[in-house]
Amino acid sequence: MKKTIIALVCGLVAPLAFAQTSTTTTEETTTSTRPSTTAETTTSTTYEAGTVSTYEPNKTIVVRGEQGPVSFALGTAANIVDAAGKAVTAPLRSGQKVRVYYTGPTEHRTVERVIVEE
């Protein structure tokens, strides 16, 4: 008798469980709260490859590349790493091959990282 009641209850509940559906709604909204006088600026990261001419820790680095010497101001956010991505603790030497990644226009270059290639 118990088996019959359990079977009937399961038979009545099972169609309700399988009848459920799920709905996913994705809503994309775009808002603009900028004043019409605001200009949108795009920054891209570029690099300069060459050899170190002069280096002052946490101040400046001058790299001699194909275009001639280029000076960069180093901030506290600039990372100096080797080709494997490990931090370099020794000061850079004149003649070392480096790649300096920076953002900003020529007059306001911000160094993001320096990769020592040797």
PDB file of N, CA and C in Angstrom:
ATOM      1  N   MET A   1       0.817  -1.187   0.000  1.00  0.00           N
ATOM      2  CA  MET A   1       0.000   0.000   0.000  1.00  0.00           C
ATOM      3  C   MET A   1       0.870   1.264   0.000  1.00  0.00           C
ATOM      4  N   LYS A   2       1.925   1.297   0.841  1.00  0.00           N
ATOM      5  CA  LYS A   2       2.811   2.450   0.897  1.00  0.00           C
ATOM      6  C   LYS A   2       3.491   2.668  -0.449  1.00  0.00           C
ATOM      7  N   LYS A   3       3.899   1.598  -1.103  1.00  0.00           N
ATOM      8  CA  LYS A   3       4.585   1.712  -2.387  1.00  0.00           C
ATOM      9  C   LYS A   3       3.656   2.304  -3.438  1.00  0.00           C
ATOM     10  N   THR A   4       2.404   1.966  -3.389  1.00  0.00           N
ATOM     11  CA  THR A   4       1.439   2.470  -4.356  1.00  0.00           C
ATOM     12  C   THR A   4       1.213   3.959  -4.162  1.00  0.00           C
ATOM     13  N   ILE A   5       1.088   4.402  -2.919  1.00  0.00           N
ATOM     14  CA  ILE A   5       0.876   5.825  -2.629  1.00  0.00           C
ATOM     15  C   ILE A   5       2.105   6.637  -3.048  1.00  0.00           C
ATOM     16  N   ILE A   6       3.287   6.137  -2.743  1.00  0.00           N
ATOM     17  CA  ILE A   6       4.525   6.827  -3.117  1.00  0.00           C
ATOM     18  C   ILE A   6       4.638   6.903  -4.636  1.00  0.00           C
ATOM     19  N   ALA A   7       4.280   5.858  -5.325  1.00  0.00           N
ATOM     20  CA  ALA A   7       4.352   5.851  -6.787  1.00  0.00           C
ATOM     21  C   ALA A   7       3.363   6.850  -7.385  1.00  0.00           C
ATOM     22  N   LEU A   8       2.166   6.923  -6.804  1.00  0.00           N
ATOM     23  CA  LEU A   8       1.181   7.882  -7.306  1.00  0.00           C
ATOM     24  C   LEU A   8       1.625   9.326  -7.073  1.00  0.00           C
ATOM     25  N   VAL A   9       2.164   9.626  -5.894  1.00  0.00           N
ATOM     26  CA  VAL A   9       2.636  10.969  -5.580  1.00  0.00           C
ATOM     27  C   VAL A   9       3.783  11.359  -6.520  1.00  0.00           C
ATOM     28  N   CYS A  10       4.719  10.450  -6.724  1.00  0.00           N
ATOM     29  CA  CYS A  10       5.836  10.727  -7.638  1.00  0.00           C
ATOM     30  C   CYS A  10       5.322  10.933  -9.052  1.00  0.00           C
ATOM     31  N   GLY A  11       4.330  10.163  -9.452  1.00  0.00           N
ATOM     32  CA  GLY A  11       3.772  10.300 -10.788  1.00  0.00           C
ATOM     33  C   GLY A  11       3.062  11.626 -10.981  1.00  0.00           C
ATOM     34  N   LEU A  12       2.457  12.165  -9.925  1.00  0.00           N
ATOM     35  CA  LEU A  12       1.775  13.450 -10.029  1.00  0.00           C
ATOM     36  C   LEU A  12       2.742  14.635  -9.945  1.00  0.00           C
ATOM     37  N   VAL A  13       3.833  14.511  -9.218  1.00  0.00           N
ATOM     38  CA  VAL A  13       4.783  15.596  -9.016  1.00  0.00           C
ATOM     39  C   VAL A  13       5.786  15.690 -10.173  1.00  0.00           C
ATOM     40  N   ALA A  14       6.133  14.576 -10.770  1.00  0.00           N
ATOM     41  CA  ALA A  14       7.151  14.553 -11.826  1.00  0.00           C
ATOM     42  C   ALA A  14       6.824  15.473 -13.001  1.00  0.00           C
ATOM     43  N   PRO A  15       5.614  15.511 -13.546  1.00  0.00           N
ATOM     44  CA  PRO A  15       5.343  16.420 -14.674  1.00  0.00           C
ATOM     45  C   PRO A  15       5.504  17.893 -14.296  1.00  0.00           C
ATOM     46  N   LEU A  16       5.224  18.232 -13.055  1.00  0.00           N
ATOM     47  CA  LEU A  16       5.391  19.614 -12.625  1.00  0.00           C
ATOM     48  C   LEU A  16       6.870  20.001 -12.582  1.00  0.00           C
ATOM     49  N   ALA A  17       7.721  19.079 -12.174  1.00  0.00           N
ATOM     50  CA  ALA A  17       9.153  19.363 -12.097  1.00  0.00           C
ATOM     51  C   ALA A  17       9.747  19.547 -13.484  1.00  0.00           C
ATOM     52  N   PHE A  18       9.309  18.766 -14.459  1.00  0.00           N
ATOM     53  CA  PHE A  18       9.851  18.865 -15.799  1.00  0.00           C
ATOM     54  C   PHE A  18       9.213  19.998 -16.607  1.00  0.00           C
ATOM     55  N   ALA A  19       8.140  20.552 -16.175  1.00  0.00           N
ATOM     56  CA  ALA A  19       7.458  21.611 -16.901  1.00  0.00           C
ATOM     57  C   ALA A  19       8.088  22.974 -16.666  1.00  0.00           C
ATOM     58  N   GLN A  20       9.001  23.087 -15.691  1.00  0.00           N
ATOM     59  CA  GLN A  20       9.622  24.369 -15.394  1.00  0.00           C
ATOM     60  C   GLN A  20      10.582  24.751 -16.515  1.00  0.00           C
ATOM     61  N   THR A  21      10.569  26.002 -16.854  1.00  0.00           N
ATOM     62  CA  THR A  21      11.505  26.505 -17.859  1.00  0.00           C
ATOM     63  C   THR A  21      12.305  27.640 -17.237  1.00  0.00           C
ATOM     64  N   SER A  22      13.467  27.886 -17.812  1.00  0.00           N
ATOM     65  CA  SER A  22      14.270  29.005 -17.321  1.00  0.00           C
ATOM     66  C   SER A  22      14.396  30.025 -18.439  1.00  0.00           C
ATOM     67  N   THR A  23      14.398  31.275 -18.063  1.00  0.00           N
ATOM     68  CA  THR A  23      14.517  32.347 -19.025  1.00  0.00           C
ATOM     69  C   THR A  23      15.682  33.236 -18.620  1.00  0.00           C
ATOM     70  N   THR A  24      16.557  33.513 -19.567  1.00  0.00           N
ATOM     71  CA  THR A  24      17.674  34.405 -19.321  1.00  0.00           C
ATOM     72  C   THR A  24      17.457  35.648 -20.153  1.00  0.00           C
ATOM     73  N   THR A  25      17.492  36.789 -19.499  1.00  0.00           N
ATOM     74  CA  THR A  25      17.309  38.057 -20.189  1.00  0.00           C
ATOM     75  C   THR A  25      18.576  38.873 -20.045  1.00  0.00           C
ATOM     76  N   THR A  26      19.105  39.330 -21.154  1.00  0.00           N
ATOM     77  CA  THR A  26      20.290  40.176 -21.138  1.00  0.00           C
ATOM     78  C   THR A  26      19.880  41.551 -21.623  1.00  0.00           C
ATOM     79  N   GLU A  27      20.227  42.535 -20.835  1.00  0.00           N
ATOM     80  CA  GLU A  27      19.872  43.900 -21.184  1.00  0.00           C
ATOM     81  C   GLU A  27      21.138  44.720 -21.303  1.00  0.00           C
ATOM     82  N   GLU A  28      21.300  45.397 -22.404  1.00  0.00           N
ATOM     83  CA  GLU A  28      22.465  46.236 -22.614  1.00  0.00           C
ATOM     84  C   GLU A  28      22.001  47.677 -22.685  1.00  0.00           C
ATOM     85  N   THR A  29      22.605  48.489 -21.831  1.00  0.00           N
ATOM     86  CA  THR A  29      22.230  49.901 -21.828  1.00  0.00           C
ATOM     87  C   THR A  29      23.473  50.745 -22.025  1.00  0.00           C
ATOM     88  N   THR A  30      23.302  51.834 -22.684  1.00  0.00           N
ATOM     89  CA  THR A  30      24.378  52.794 -22.882  1.00  0.00           C
ATOM     90  C   THR A  30      23.884  54.144 -22.408  1.00  0.00           C
ATOM     91  N   THR A  31      24.657  54.709 -21.502  1.00  0.00           N
ATOM     92  CA  THR A  31      24.283  56.029 -21.007  1.00  0.00           C
ATOM     93  C   THR A  31      25.430  56.988 -21.242  1.00  0.00           C
ATOM     94  N   SER A  32      25.106  58.207 -21.413  1.00  0.00           N
ATOM     95  CA  SER A  32      26.112  59.241 -21.602  1.00  0.00           C
ATOM     96  C   SER A  32      25.761  60.411 -20.698  1.00  0.00           C
ATOM     97  N   THR A  33      26.655  60.684 -19.766  1.00  0.00           N
ATOM     98  CA  THR A  33      26.432  61.808 -18.862  1.00  0.00           C
ATOM     99  C   THR A  33      27.498  62.874 -19.050  1.00  0.00           C
ATOM    100  N   ARG A  34      28.299  62.724 -20.104  1.00  0.00           N
ATOM    101  CA  ARG A  34      29.348  63.701 -20.351  1.00  0.00           C
ATOM    102  C   ARG A  34      28.776  64.959 -20.982  1.00  0.00           C
ATOM    103  N   PRO A  35      29.302  66.096 -20.585  1.00  0.00           N
ATOM    104  CA  PRO A  35      28.879  67.326 -21.249  1.00  0.00           C
ATOM    105  C   PRO A  35      29.349  67.317 -22.706  1.00  0.00           C
ATOM    106  N   SER A  36      28.687  68.071 -23.528  1.00  0.00           N
ATOM    107  CA  SER A  36      29.002  68.079 -24.946  1.00  0.00           C
ATOM    108  C   SER A  36      30.355  68.709 -25.246  1.00  0.00           C
ATOM    109  N   THR A  37      30.947  69.422 -24.309  1.00  0.00           N
ATOM    110  CA  THR A  37      32.239  70.061 -24.548  1.00  0.00           C
ATOM    111  C   THR A  37      33.412  69.156 -24.192  1.00  0.00           C
ATOM    112  N   THR A  38      33.142  67.978 -23.648  1.00  0.00           N
ATOM    113  CA  THR A  38      34.204  67.073 -23.252  1.00  0.00           C
ATOM    114  C   THR A  38      34.735  66.330 -24.468  1.00  0.00           C
ATOM    115  N   ALA A  39      36.033  66.301 -24.622  1.00  0.00           N
ATOM    116  CA  ALA A  39      36.661  65.557 -25.714  1.00  0.00           C
ATOM    117  C   ALA A  39      37.112  64.218 -25.177  1.00  0.00           C
ATOM    118  N   GLU A  40      36.912  63.197 -25.949  1.00  0.00           N
ATOM    119  CA  GLU A  40      37.304  61.857 -25.540  1.00  0.00           C
ATOM    120  C   GLU A  40      38.728  61.617 -26.018  1.00  0.00           C
ATOM    121  N   THR A  41      39.584  61.121 -25.118  1.00  0.00           N
ATOM    122  CA  THR A  41      40.969  60.855 -25.480  1.00  0.00           C
ATOM    123  C   THR A  41      41.234  59.367 -25.388  1.00  0.00           C
ATOM    124  N   THR A  42      42.055  58.879 -26.267  1.00  0.00           N
ATOM    125  CA  THR A  42      42.435  57.481 -26.285  1.00  0.00           C
ATOM    126  C   THR A  42      43.931  57.399 -26.036  1.00  0.00           C
ATOM    127  N   THR A  43      44.326  56.527 -25.114  1.00  0.00           N
ATOM    128  CA  THR A  43      45.741  56.343 -24.860  1.00  0.00           C
ATOM    129  C   THR A  43      46.138  54.949 -25.322  1.00  0.00           C
ATOM    130  N   SER A  44      47.297  54.859 -25.900  1.00  0.00           N
ATOM    131  CA  SER A  44      47.807  53.568 -26.316  1.00  0.00           C
ATOM    132  C   SER A  44      49.235  53.440 -25.813  1.00  0.00           C
ATOM    133  N   THR A  45      49.624  52.218 -25.552  1.00  0.00           N
ATOM    134  CA  THR A  45      50.967  51.963 -25.054  1.00  0.00           C
ATOM    135  C   THR A  45      51.882  51.693 -26.238  1.00  0.00           C
ATOM    136  N   THR A  46      52.978  52.397 -26.293  1.00  0.00           N
ATOM    137  CA  THR A  46      53.979  52.169 -27.318  1.00  0.00           C
ATOM    138  C   THR A  46      55.308  51.909 -26.636  1.00  0.00           C
ATOM    139  N   TYR A  47      56.304  51.545 -27.415  1.00  0.00           N
ATOM    140  CA  TYR A  47      57.594  51.291 -26.800  1.00  0.00           C
ATOM    141  C   TYR A  47      58.713  51.849 -27.651  1.00  0.00           C
ATOM    142  N   GLU A  48      59.829  52.040 -27.001  1.00  0.00           N
ATOM    143  CA  GLU A  48      61.064  52.475 -27.661  1.00  0.00           C
ATOM    144  C   GLU A  48      62.121  51.455 -27.271  1.00  0.00           C
ATOM    145  N   ALA A  49      62.777  50.865 -28.256  1.00  0.00           N
ATOM    146  CA  ALA A  49      63.820  49.880 -27.994  1.00  0.00           C
ATOM    147  C   ALA A  49      65.176  50.492 -28.305  1.00  0.00           C
ATOM    148  N   GLY A  50      66.171  50.117 -27.537  1.00  0.00           N
ATOM    149  CA  GLY A  50      67.519  50.617 -27.759  1.00  0.00           C
ATOM    150  C   GLY A  50      68.422  50.272 -26.596  1.00  0.00           C
ATOM    151  N   THR A  51      69.497  51.018 -26.474  1.00  0.00           N
ATOM    152  CA  THR A  51      70.434  50.792 -25.381  1.00  0.00           C
ATOM    153  C   THR A  51      70.396  51.974 -24.418  1.00  0.00           C
ATOM    154  N   VAL A  52      70.679  51.682 -23.168  1.00  0.00           N
ATOM    155  CA  VAL A  52      70.658  52.710 -22.121  1.00  0.00           C
ATOM    156  C   VAL A  52      71.862  53.629 -22.307  1.00  0.00           C
ATOM    157  N   SER A  53      71.601  54.930 -22.393  1.00  0.00           N
ATOM    158  CA  SER A  53      72.689  55.919 -22.419  1.00  0.00           C
ATOM    159  C   SER A  53      72.985  56.376 -21.008  1.00  0.00           C
ATOM    160  N   THR A  54      71.953  56.866 -20.317  1.00  0.00           N
ATOM    161  CA  THR A  54      72.093  57.261 -18.914  1.00  0.00           C
ATOM    162  C   THR A  54      70.873  56.777 -18.141  1.00  0.00           C
ATOM    163  N   TYR A  55      71.076  56.536 -16.852  1.00  0.00           N
ATOM    164  CA  TYR A  55      69.989  56.059 -15.996  1.00  0.00           C
ATOM    165  C   TYR A  55      70.169  56.637 -14.603  1.00  0.00           C
ATOM    166  N   GLU A  56      69.135  57.305 -14.121  1.00  0.00           N
ATOM    167  CA  GLU A  56      69.081  57.777 -12.743  1.00  0.00           C
ATOM    168  C   GLU A  56      67.874  57.098 -12.101  1.00  0.00           C
ATOM    169  N   PRO A  57      68.094  56.192 -11.129  1.00  0.00           N
ATOM    170  CA  PRO A  57      66.979  55.440 -10.528  1.00  0.00           C
ATOM    171  C   PRO A  57      65.858  56.360 -10.038  1.00  0.00           C
ATOM    172  N   ASN A  58      64.615  55.987 -10.368  1.00  0.00           N
ATOM    173  CA  ASN A  58      63.392  56.713  -9.997  1.00  0.00           C
ATOM    174  C   ASN A  58      63.323  58.135 -10.555  1.00  0.00           C
ATOM    175  N   LYS A  59      64.204  58.487 -11.492  1.00  0.00           N
ATOM    176  CA  LYS A  59      64.174  59.829 -12.079  1.00  0.00           C
ATOM    177  C   LYS A  59      64.040  59.763 -13.592  1.00  0.00           C
ATOM    178  N   THR A  60      65.127  59.436 -14.280  1.00  0.00           N
ATOM    179  CA  THR A  60      65.114  59.450 -15.744  1.00  0.00           C
ATOM    180  C   THR A  60      65.887  58.273 -16.320  1.00  0.00           C
ATOM    181  N   ILE A  61      65.569  57.975 -17.578  1.00  0.00           N
ATOM    182  CA  ILE A  61      66.330  57.018 -18.358  1.00  0.00           C
ATOM    183  C   ILE A  61      66.407  57.585 -19.772  1.00  0.00           C
ATOM    184  N   VAL A  62      67.592  57.536 -20.347  1.00  0.00           N
ATOM    185  CA  VAL A  62      67.788  57.981 -21.726  1.00  0.00           C
ATOM    186  C   VAL A  62      68.157  56.747 -22.536  1.00  0.00           C
ATOM    187  N   VAL A  63      67.374  56.488 -23.585  1.00  0.00           N
ATOM    188  CA  VAL A  63      67.565  55.313 -24.426  1.00  0.00           C
ATOM    189  C   VAL A  63      67.970  55.777 -25.814  1.00  0.00           C
ATOM    190  N   ARG A  64      69.041  55.192 -26.336  1.00  0.00           N
ATOM    191  CA  ARG A  64      69.474  55.503 -27.692  1.00  0.00           C
ATOM    192  C   ARG A  64      68.933  54.407 -28.604  1.00  0.00           C
ATOM    193  N   GLY A  65      67.987  54.814 -29.469  1.00  0.00           N
ATOM    194  CA  GLY A  65      67.381  53.888 -30.414  1.00  0.00           C
ATOM    195  C   GLY A  65      67.686  54.296 -31.837  1.00  0.00           C
ATOM    196  N   GLU A  66      66.902  53.786 -32.765  1.00  0.00           N
ATOM    197  CA  GLU A  66      67.097  54.106 -34.180  1.00  0.00           C
ATOM    198  C   GLU A  66      66.846  55.585 -34.461  1.00  0.00           C
ATOM    199  N   GLN A  67      65.968  56.223 -33.719  1.00  0.00           N
ATOM    200  CA  GLN A  67      65.631  57.633 -33.913  1.00  0.00           C
ATOM    201  C   GLN A  67      66.576  58.572 -33.171  1.00  0.00           C
ATOM    202  N   GLY A  68      67.548  58.036 -32.447  1.00  0.00           N
ATOM    203  CA  GLY A  68      68.444  58.855 -31.645  1.00  0.00           C
ATOM    204  C   GLY A  68      68.084  58.720 -30.175  1.00  0.00           C
ATOM    205  N   PRO A  69      68.693  59.533 -29.302  1.00  0.00           N
ATOM    206  CA  PRO A  69      68.413  59.417 -27.868  1.00  0.00           C
ATOM    207  C   PRO A  69      67.019  59.944 -27.510  1.00  0.00           C
ATOM    208  N   VAL A  70      66.346  59.190 -26.649  1.00  0.00           N
ATOM    209  CA  VAL A  70      65.017  59.575 -26.182  1.00  0.00           C
ATOM    210  C   VAL A  70      65.036  59.534 -24.659  1.00  0.00           C
ATOM    211  N   SER A  71      64.557  60.608 -24.026  1.00  0.00           N
ATOM    212  CA  SER A  71      64.547  60.709 -22.570  1.00  0.00           C
ATOM    213  C   SER A  71      63.158  60.385 -22.028  1.00  0.00           C
ATOM    214  N   PHE A  72      63.129  59.647 -20.922  1.00  0.00           N
ATOM    215  CA  PHE A  72      61.882  59.276 -20.267  1.00  0.00           C
ATOM    216  C   PHE A  72      61.989  59.608 -18.785  1.00  0.00           C
ATOM    217  N   ALA A  73      60.916  60.124 -18.224  1.00  0.00           N
ATOM    218  CA  ALA A  73      60.845  60.354 -16.787  1.00  0.00           C
ATOM    219  C   ALA A  73      60.296  59.091 -16.132  1.00  0.00           C
ATOM    220  N   LEU A  74      60.991  58.603 -15.129  1.00  0.00           N
ATOM    221  CA  LEU A  74      60.546  57.408 -14.412  1.00  0.00           C
ATOM    222  C   LEU A  74      59.809  57.821 -13.157  1.00  0.00           C
ATOM    223  N   GLY A  75      58.645  57.257 -12.955  1.00  0.00           N
ATOM    224  CA  GLY A  75      57.889  57.492 -11.729  1.00  0.00           C
ATOM    225  C   GLY A  75      57.993  56.277 -10.832  1.00  0.00           C
ATOM    226  N   THR A  76      57.292  56.327  -9.728  1.00  0.00           N
ATOM    227  CA  THR A  76      57.307  55.193  -8.803  1.00  0.00           C
ATOM    228  C   THR A  76      56.515  54.014  -9.344  1.00  0.00           C
ATOM    229  N   ALA A  77      55.633  54.238 -10.321  1.00  0.00           N
ATOM    230  CA  ALA A  77      54.816  53.158 -10.876  1.00  0.00           C
ATOM    231  C   ALA A  77      55.536  52.381 -11.975  1.00  0.00           C
ATOM    232  N   ALA A  78      56.680  52.855 -12.444  1.00  0.00           N
ATOM    233  CA  ALA A  78      57.406  52.174 -13.518  1.00  0.00           C
ATOM    234  C   ALA A  78      58.063  50.910 -12.978  1.00  0.00           C
ATOM    235  N   ASN A  79      57.822  49.790 -13.674  1.00  0.00           N
ATOM    236  CA  ASN A  79      58.416  48.510 -13.292  1.00  0.00           C
ATOM    237  C   ASN A  79      59.595  48.215 -14.199  1.00  0.00           C
ATOM    238  N   ILE A  80      60.707  47.756 -13.624  1.00  0.00           N
ATOM    239  CA  ILE A  80      61.860  47.333 -14.406  1.00  0.00           C
ATOM    240  C   ILE A  80      61.972  45.836 -14.223  1.00  0.00           C
ATOM    241  N   VAL A  81      61.808  45.097 -15.335  1.00  0.00           N
ATOM    242  CA  VAL A  81      61.795  43.637 -15.291  1.00  0.00           C
ATOM    243  C   VAL A  81      62.721  43.081 -16.359  1.00  0.00           C
ATOM    244  N   ASP A  82      63.078  41.776 -16.197  1.00  0.00           N
ATOM    245  CA  ASP A  82      63.856  41.111 -17.229  1.00  0.00           C
ATOM    246  C   ASP A  82      62.912  40.484 -18.245  1.00  0.00           C
ATOM    247  N   ALA A  83      63.442  39.795 -19.227  1.00  0.00           N
ATOM    248  CA  ALA A  83      62.626  39.217 -20.297  1.00  0.00           C
ATOM    249  C   ALA A  83      61.643  38.175 -19.770  1.00  0.00           C
ATOM    250  N   ALA A  84      61.939  37.554 -18.628  1.00  0.00           N
ATOM    251  CA  ALA A  84      61.050  36.561 -18.037  1.00  0.00           C
ATOM    252  C   ALA A  84      59.969  37.199 -17.166  1.00  0.00           C
ATOM    253  N   GLY A  85      60.029  38.521 -16.963  1.00  0.00           N
ATOM    254  CA  GLY A  85      59.027  39.208 -16.161  1.00  0.00           C
ATOM    255  C   GLY A  85      59.387  39.352 -14.699  1.00  0.00           C
ATOM    256  N   LYS A  86      60.600  38.943 -14.328  1.00  0.00           N
ATOM    257  CA  LYS A  86      61.032  39.062 -12.928  1.00  0.00           C
ATOM    258  C   LYS A  86      61.621  40.455 -12.698  1.00  0.00           C
ATOM    259  N   ALA A  87      61.362  41.008 -11.521  1.00  0.00           N
ATOM    260  CA  ALA A  87      61.836  42.354 -11.186  1.00  0.00           C
ATOM    261  C   ALA A  87      63.356  42.407 -11.169  1.00  0.00           C
ATOM    262  N   VAL A  88      63.898  43.474 -11.730  1.00  0.00           N
ATOM    263  CA  VAL A  88      65.340  43.700 -11.743  1.00  0.00           C
ATOM    264  C   VAL A  88      65.655  44.649 -10.594  1.00  0.00           C
ATOM    265  N   THR A  89      66.533  44.232  -9.699  1.00  0.00           N
ATOM    266  CA  THR A  89      66.870  45.057  -8.540  1.00  0.00           C
ATOM    267  C   THR A  89      68.150  45.850  -8.747  1.00  0.00           C
ATOM    268  N   ALA A  90      69.030  45.377  -9.623  1.00  0.00           N
ATOM    269  CA  ALA A  90      70.289  46.086  -9.883  1.00  0.00           C
ATOM    270  C   ALA A  90      70.017  47.295 -10.772  1.00  0.00           C
ATOM    271  N   PRO A  91      70.758  48.382 -10.560  1.00  0.00           N
ATOM    272  CA  PRO A  91      70.562  49.551 -11.414  1.00  0.00           C
ATOM    273  C   PRO A  91      70.961  49.239 -12.854  1.00  0.00           C
ATOM    274  N   LEU A  92      70.304  49.890 -13.795  1.00  0.00           N
ATOM    275  CA  LEU A  92      70.615  49.686 -15.204  1.00  0.00           C
ATOM    276  C   LEU A  92      71.975  50.286 -15.517  1.00  0.00           C
ATOM    277  N   ARG A  93      72.700  49.627 -16.433  1.00  0.00           N
ATOM    278  CA  ARG A  93      74.028  50.090 -16.829  1.00  0.00           C
ATOM    279  C   ARG A  93      73.966  50.664 -18.239  1.00  0.00           C
ATOM    280  N   SER A  94      74.868  51.554 -18.523  1.00  0.00           N
ATOM    281  CA  SER A  94      74.980  52.110 -19.862  1.00  0.00           C
ATOM    282  C   SER A  94      75.327  50.982 -20.828  1.00  0.00           C
ATOM    283  N   GLY A  95      74.623  50.932 -21.956  1.00  0.00           N
ATOM    284  CA  GLY A  95      74.878  49.906 -22.959  1.00  0.00           C
ATOM    285  C   GLY A  95      73.936  48.714 -22.895  1.00  0.00           C
ATOM    286  N   GLN A  96      73.143  48.585 -21.818  1.00  0.00           N
ATOM    287  CA  GLN A  96      72.187  47.486 -21.725  1.00  0.00           C
ATOM    288  C   GLN A  96      71.064  47.685 -22.730  1.00  0.00           C
ATOM    289  N   LYS A  97      70.632  46.589 -23.366  1.00  0.00           N
ATOM    290  CA  LYS A  97      69.509  46.660 -24.292  1.00  0.00           C
ATOM    291  C   LYS A  97      68.218  46.620 -23.489  1.00  0.00           C
ATOM    292  N   VAL A  98      67.324  47.586 -23.778  1.00  0.00           N
ATOM    293  CA  VAL A  98      66.055  47.686 -23.059  1.00  0.00           C
ATOM    294  C   VAL A  98      64.932  47.998 -24.039  1.00  0.00           C
ATOM    295  N   ARG A  99      63.738  47.773 -23.568  1.00  0.00           N
ATOM    296  CA  ARG A  99      62.528  48.171 -24.285  1.00  0.00           C
ATOM    297  C   ARG A  99      61.679  48.938 -23.269  1.00  0.00           C
ATOM    298  N   VAL A 100      61.410  50.219 -23.544  1.00  0.00           N
ATOM    299  CA  VAL A 100      60.676  51.083 -22.626  1.00  0.00           C
ATOM    300  C   VAL A 100      59.246  51.231 -23.144  1.00  0.00           C
ATOM    301  N   TYR A 101      58.265  50.740 -22.373  1.00  0.00           N
ATOM    302  CA  TYR A 101      56.850  50.869 -22.718  1.00  0.00           C
ATOM    303  C   TYR A 101      56.301  52.117 -22.026  1.00  0.00           C
ATOM    304  N   TYR A 102      55.641  52.964 -22.811  1.00  0.00           N
ATOM    305  CA  TYR A 102      55.155  54.224 -22.254  1.00  0.00           C
ATOM    306  C   TYR A 102      53.822  54.599 -22.891  1.00  0.00           C
ATOM    307  N   THR A 103      53.122  55.523 -22.223  1.00  0.00           N
ATOM    308  CA  THR A 103      51.877  56.081 -22.754  1.00  0.00           C
ATOM    309  C   THR A 103      52.015  57.593 -22.776  1.00  0.00           C
ATOM    310  N   GLY A 104      51.151  58.216 -23.525  1.00  0.00           N
ATOM    311  CA  GLY A 104      51.117  59.669 -23.554  1.00  0.00           C
ATOM    312  C   GLY A 104      51.841  60.251 -24.741  1.00  0.00           C
ATOM    313  N   PRO A 105      51.631  61.552 -24.954  1.00  0.00           N
ATOM    314  CA  PRO A 105      52.279  62.227 -26.073  1.00  0.00           C
ATOM    315  C   PRO A 105      53.774  62.429 -25.800  1.00  0.00           C
ATOM    316  N   THR A 106      54.474  62.869 -26.816  1.00  0.00           N
ATOM    317  CA  THR A 106      55.929  63.026 -26.730  1.00  0.00           C
ATOM    318  C   THR A 106      56.360  63.890 -25.550  1.00  0.00           C
ATOM    319  N   GLU A 107      55.634  64.978 -25.282  1.00  0.00           N
ATOM    320  CA  GLU A 107      56.055  65.846 -24.191  1.00  0.00           C
ATOM    321  C   GLU A 107      55.685  65.337 -22.810  1.00  0.00           C
ATOM    322  N   HIS A 108      54.777  64.387 -22.716  1.00  0.00           N
ATOM    323  CA  HIS A 108      54.336  63.877 -21.411  1.00  0.00           C
ATOM    324  C   HIS A 108      54.339  62.353 -21.392  1.00  0.00           C
ATOM    325  N   ARG A 109      55.445  61.748 -21.725  1.00  0.00           N
ATOM    326  CA  ARG A 109      55.542  60.280 -21.726  1.00  0.00           C
ATOM    327  C   ARG A 109      55.522  59.753 -20.302  1.00  0.00           C
ATOM    328  N   THR A 110      54.691  58.744 -20.059  1.00  0.00           N
ATOM    329  CA  THR A 110      54.624  58.099 -18.760  1.00  0.00           C
ATOM    330  C   THR A 110      55.101  56.664 -18.923  1.00  0.00           C
ATOM    331  N   VAL A 111      56.194  56.317 -18.264  1.00  0.00           N
ATOM    332  CA  VAL A 111      56.765  54.976 -18.391  1.00  0.00           C
ATOM    333  C   VAL A 111      55.957  54.013 -17.561  1.00  0.00           C
ATOM    334  N   GLU A 112      55.511  52.922 -18.205  1.00  0.00           N
ATOM    335  CA  GLU A 112      54.793  51.869 -17.495  1.00  0.00           C
ATOM    336  C   GLU A 112      55.741  50.764 -17.052  1.00  0.00           C
ATOM    337  N   ARG A 113      56.615  50.336 -17.967  1.00  0.00           N
ATOM    338  CA  ARG A 113      57.594  49.310 -17.597  1.00  0.00           C
ATOM    339  C   ARG A 113      58.790  49.369 -18.519  1.00  0.00           C
ATOM    340  N   VAL A 114      59.905  48.875 -18.006  1.00  0.00           N
ATOM    341  CA  VAL A 114      61.151  48.766 -18.766  1.00  0.00           C
ATOM    342  C   VAL A 114      61.527  47.299 -18.751  1.00  0.00           C
ATOM    343  N   ILE A 115      61.718  46.721 -19.922  1.00  0.00           N
ATOM    344  CA  ILE A 115      62.129  45.318 -20.014  1.00  0.00           C
ATOM    345  C   ILE A 115      63.603  45.289 -20.417  1.00  0.00           C
ATOM    346  N   VAL A 116      64.425  44.680 -19.579  1.00  0.00           N
ATOM    347  CA  VAL A 116      65.847  44.527 -19.872  1.00  0.00           C
ATOM    348  C   VAL A 116      65.980  43.284 -20.746  1.00  0.00           C
ATOM    349  N   GLU A 117      66.502  43.460 -21.956  1.00  0.00           N
ATOM    350  CA  GLU A 117      66.558  42.364 -22.907  1.00  0.00           C
ATOM    351  C   GLU A 117      67.812  41.523 -22.804  1.00  0.00           C
ATOM    352  N   GLU A 118      68.780  41.930 -22.039  1.00  0.00           N
ATOM    353  CA  GLU A 118      70.003  41.139 -21.887  1.00  0.00           C
ATOM    354  C   GLU A 118      69.980  40.384 -20.597  1.00  0.00           C
TER     355      GLU A 118
END
